[in-house]
Amino acid sequence: MRLALDAAGKPKDEVTAAVARYIAGYQASESHWNHRGRRPPSSGSDFSATYVALRGMKVFGDLADSNRVEPALLWLNSETPKETEDQVFRLWSLSVLSEESSEKALAELIKLQRPDGGWSQKADMEGDAYATGTVLVTLLEAGVPADDAAIRRGLAWLLASQQADGTWHVKTRAIGFQEYFESGFPHGQDQFISITASSWATWALVLSLPSA
């Protein structure tokens, strides 16, 4: 919700400030925020939860004046990421805090690129559009130029793996517990992670276009 309000241009007011203070109260041991979901990859990382909280507090709260920045930085720089999702949102979190150590996180993220040009969600998984899309968007938003070798190889991987209908297919890792319903997007039981992956992949392609 914080991200949606920010994207929509919602100005800071008393209500958003109050919610930001509420979010701050969930900071675990005053260091980071715990995820509440069990549906990886997009809902299963403390790093992504921490990023959403930090960004919400920065845009709508008083992050700069709070006592939560240093503990969060310590956790971000000491906690070992386990998956690409962790690496991605550690970098996003550090960028919110304008931390110089984000350069190290950036280099570590690039090193995860597979020989075929894509990225995988986990080391023991094959590359997919979700991981590749999230990494490319992160790198491009961090200022890596679109003509960088790693970016070019990643974009080529996305284009080569795109389906004829324009989407990308990613197999779900989540354990189903809700009754399945059809959204109309392709790929059946995998459609919801494929929607997310296709969105990230499209965003990466758009960011790589010339500004003109």
Protein backbone atom coordinates (compact mmCIF):
# COMPACT_ATOMS: atom_id res chain seq x y z
CA MET A 1 0.00 0.00 0.00
CA ARG A 2 2.88 2.36 0.80
CA LEU A 3 4.37 1.75 -2.63
CA ALA A 4 1.03 2.26 -4.36
CA LEU A 5 0.46 5.59 -2.61
CA ASP A 6 3.97 6.73 -3.46
CA ALA A 7 3.59 5.74 -7.12
CA ALA A 8 0.28 7.60 -7.28
CA GLY A 9 1.88 10.77 -5.96
CA LYS A 10 0.05 10.80 -2.64
CA PRO A 11 1.44 13.68 -0.53
CA LYS A 12 2.54 13.15 3.04
CA ASP A 13 -0.13 14.05 5.59
CA GLU A 14 -1.12 13.27 9.17
CA VAL A 15 -2.71 9.95 8.20
CA THR A 16 0.28 8.63 6.25
CA ALA A 17 2.63 9.82 9.00
CA ALA A 18 0.57 7.91 11.57
CA VAL A 19 0.69 4.74 9.47
CA ALA A 20 4.44 5.16 9.01
CA ARG A 21 4.85 5.28 12.80
CA TYR A 22 2.68 2.15 13.03
CA ILE A 23 4.95 0.35 10.54
CA ALA A 24 8.02 1.45 12.50
CA GLY A 25 6.66 -0.37 15.52
CA TYR A 26 7.00 -3.69 13.70
CA GLN A 27 10.77 -3.38 13.37
CA ALA A 28 12.00 -6.66 14.84
CA SER A 29 14.49 -6.11 17.66
CA GLU A 30 14.84 -2.60 16.23
CA SER A 31 16.91 -3.92 13.30
CA HIS A 32 14.72 -5.13 10.42
CA TRP A 33 11.18 -6.12 9.48
CA ASN A 34 9.95 -9.71 9.25
CA HIS A 35 7.93 -10.88 6.29
CA ARG A 36 4.46 -12.18 7.06
CA GLY A 37 3.97 -14.33 3.97
CA ARG A 38 4.81 -17.88 3.01
CA ARG A 39 4.55 -17.53 -0.75
CA PRO A 40 8.04 -17.18 -2.19
CA PRO A 41 9.64 -15.45 -3.89
CA SER A 42 7.67 -12.19 -3.72
CA SER A 43 6.27 -12.84 -0.24
CA GLY A 44 8.88 -14.63 1.77
CA SER A 45 11.89 -12.38 2.38
CA ASP A 46 12.78 -10.22 5.37
CA PHE A 47 14.81 -8.08 2.98
CA SER A 48 11.79 -7.20 0.85
CA ALA A 49 9.70 -6.52 3.96
CA THR A 50 12.46 -4.26 5.28
CA TYR A 51 12.63 -2.35 2.00
CA VAL A 52 8.89 -1.71 1.88
CA ALA A 53 8.93 -0.50 5.50
CA LEU A 54 11.98 1.74 5.02
CA ARG A 55 10.63 3.29 1.85
CA GLY A 56 7.24 3.91 3.43
CA MET A 57 8.87 5.56 6.43
CA LYS A 58 11.13 7.69 4.26
CA VAL A 59 8.36 8.93 1.98
CA PHE A 60 5.55 9.28 4.49
CA GLY A 61 7.21 9.32 7.91
CA ASP A 62 10.27 10.61 9.72
CA LEU A 63 12.90 7.98 8.88
CA ALA A 64 15.76 10.47 8.82
CA ASP A 65 14.91 11.69 12.30
CA SER A 66 14.23 8.25 13.75
CA ASN A 67 16.64 5.98 15.60
CA ARG A 68 15.97 3.09 13.24
CA VAL A 69 18.45 3.78 10.43
CA GLU A 70 21.67 2.60 12.06
CA PRO A 71 20.23 -0.71 13.34
CA ALA A 72 18.71 -1.38 9.92
CA LEU A 73 22.05 -0.65 8.21
CA LEU A 74 23.85 -2.98 10.59
CA TRP A 75 21.40 -5.77 9.82
CA LEU A 76 21.50 -5.15 6.04
CA ASN A 77 25.30 -5.25 6.00
CA SER A 78 25.69 -8.24 8.31
CA GLU A 79 22.81 -10.55 7.35
CA THR A 80 23.65 -13.05 4.60
CA PRO A 81 21.15 -13.08 1.71
CA LYS A 82 19.96 -16.59 0.90
CA GLU A 83 18.20 -15.99 -2.42
CA THR A 84 18.27 -13.53 -5.30
CA GLU A 85 15.16 -11.90 -3.86
CA ASP A 86 17.16 -11.10 -0.72
CA GLN A 87 20.02 -9.64 -2.78
CA VAL A 88 17.64 -7.50 -4.82
CA PHE A 89 15.82 -5.98 -1.89
CA ARG A 90 18.94 -5.54 0.20
CA LEU A 91 20.16 -3.27 -2.58
CA TRP A 92 16.81 -1.44 -2.74
CA SER A 93 16.91 -0.98 1.03
CA LEU A 94 20.45 0.39 0.97
CA SER A 95 19.49 2.77 -1.82
CA VAL A 96 16.65 4.12 0.33
CA LEU A 97 19.21 4.86 3.03
CA SER A 98 21.73 6.29 0.50
CA GLU A 99 24.36 3.97 1.87
CA GLU A 100 27.75 3.71 0.10
CA SER A 101 27.88 -0.02 0.84
CA SER A 102 25.17 -0.41 -1.81
CA GLU A 103 28.05 -0.52 -4.33
CA LYS A 104 29.20 -3.79 -2.80
CA ALA A 105 25.67 -5.15 -2.89
CA LEU A 106 25.42 -4.11 -6.53
CA ALA A 107 28.57 -6.02 -7.45
CA GLU A 108 27.38 -9.11 -5.57
CA LEU A 109 24.09 -9.04 -7.45
CA ILE A 110 25.83 -8.87 -10.82
CA LYS A 111 28.01 -11.84 -9.87
CA LEU A 112 24.89 -13.99 -9.56
CA GLN A 113 24.30 -13.80 -13.32
CA ARG A 114 24.28 -17.24 -14.89
CA PRO A 115 26.40 -18.17 -17.92
CA ASP A 116 23.34 -17.97 -20.20
CA GLY A 117 22.69 -14.34 -19.16
CA GLY A 118 19.73 -14.85 -16.84
CA TRP A 119 19.35 -14.96 -13.07
CA SER A 120 17.73 -17.66 -10.95
CA GLN A 121 15.68 -17.30 -7.78
CA LYS A 122 17.97 -19.74 -5.95
CA ALA A 123 21.37 -21.24 -6.73
CA ASP A 124 19.87 -24.69 -7.33
CA MET A 125 17.16 -23.43 -9.70
CA GLU A 126 17.19 -22.59 -13.38
CA GLY A 127 17.06 -18.98 -14.50
CA ASP A 128 13.61 -17.44 -14.91
CA ALA A 129 11.96 -14.18 -15.87
CA TYR A 130 11.04 -13.26 -12.31
CA ALA A 131 14.59 -13.30 -11.00
CA THR A 132 16.05 -11.87 -14.20
CA GLY A 133 13.45 -9.11 -14.39
CA THR A 134 13.86 -8.05 -10.75
CA VAL A 135 17.65 -7.96 -11.04
CA LEU A 136 17.66 -6.00 -14.29
CA VAL A 137 15.21 -3.41 -12.94
CA THR A 138 17.30 -3.09 -9.79
CA LEU A 139 20.54 -2.63 -11.73
CA LEU A 140 19.04 -0.14 -14.16
CA GLU A 141 17.38 1.86 -11.39
CA ALA A 142 20.72 1.86 -9.55
CA GLY A 143 22.33 3.61 -12.51
CA VAL A 144 23.97 0.74 -14.37
CA PRO A 145 23.83 1.78 -18.05
CA ALA A 146 21.68 -0.20 -20.45
CA ASP A 147 24.71 -0.91 -22.64
CA ASP A 148 26.58 -2.61 -19.78
CA ALA A 149 27.57 -6.14 -20.74
CA ALA A 150 25.62 -7.78 -17.90
CA ILE A 151 22.51 -5.77 -18.75
CA ARG A 152 22.72 -6.59 -22.46
CA ARG A 153 23.09 -10.30 -21.74
CA GLY A 154 20.17 -10.22 -19.31
CA LEU A 155 17.92 -8.39 -21.77
CA ALA A 156 18.85 -10.87 -24.50
CA TRP A 157 17.90 -13.71 -22.15
CA LEU A 158 14.51 -12.12 -21.49
CA LEU A 159 13.77 -11.61 -25.17
CA ALA A 160 14.79 -15.17 -25.99
CA SER A 161 12.55 -16.62 -23.26
CA GLN A 162 9.47 -14.50 -24.00
CA GLN A 163 6.43 -16.49 -25.09
CA ALA A 164 4.71 -15.93 -28.42
CA ASP A 165 1.80 -14.22 -26.64
CA GLY A 166 4.18 -11.69 -25.08
CA THR A 167 4.22 -13.16 -21.57
CA TRP A 168 6.84 -15.05 -19.59
CA HIS A 169 6.14 -18.37 -17.90
CA VAL A 170 7.56 -19.02 -14.43
CA LYS A 171 6.72 -22.09 -12.37
CA THR A 172 5.27 -21.39 -8.95
CA ARG A 173 7.14 -22.29 -5.76
CA ALA A 174 4.25 -21.45 -3.47
CA ILE A 175 2.25 -24.19 -1.80
CA GLY A 176 -1.37 -23.73 -2.78
CA PHE A 177 -3.91 -23.34 0.00
CA GLN A 178 -6.64 -21.31 -1.68
CA GLU A 179 -9.16 -22.60 -4.17
CA TYR A 180 -7.80 -22.01 -7.66
CA PHE A 181 -9.52 -19.45 -9.82
CA GLU A 182 -8.78 -18.40 -13.38
CA SER A 183 -7.65 -14.80 -13.89
CA GLY A 184 -7.48 -15.01 -17.67
CA PHE A 185 -3.69 -14.71 -17.77
CA PRO A 186 -1.88 -17.63 -19.44
CA HIS A 187 -0.01 -20.46 -17.71
CA GLY A 188 -2.72 -21.99 -15.55
CA GLN A 189 -1.61 -22.80 -12.01
CA ASP A 190 1.53 -20.73 -12.60
CA GLN A 191 -0.31 -17.65 -13.79
CA PHE A 192 0.10 -15.45 -10.71
CA ILE A 193 3.90 -15.67 -10.44
CA SER A 194 3.97 -15.42 -14.24
CA ILE A 195 1.99 -12.16 -14.04
CA THR A 196 4.54 -10.78 -11.60
CA ALA A 197 7.47 -12.04 -13.66
CA SER A 198 6.03 -10.61 -16.87
CA SER A 199 5.56 -7.25 -15.15
CA TRP A 200 9.17 -7.13 -13.94
CA ALA A 201 10.46 -8.27 -17.33
CA THR A 202 8.44 -5.61 -19.16
CA TRP A 203 9.63 -2.95 -16.71
CA ALA A 204 13.25 -3.96 -17.38
CA LEU A 205 12.76 -3.71 -21.13
CA VAL A 206 11.13 -0.29 -20.81
CA LEU A 207 13.96 1.00 -18.62
CA SER A 208 16.49 -0.13 -21.20
CA LEU A 209 14.95 1.99 -23.96
CA PRO A 210 16.59 5.29 -24.96
CA SER A 211 15.14 8.22 -23.02
CA ALA A 212 13.93 9.86 -26.25
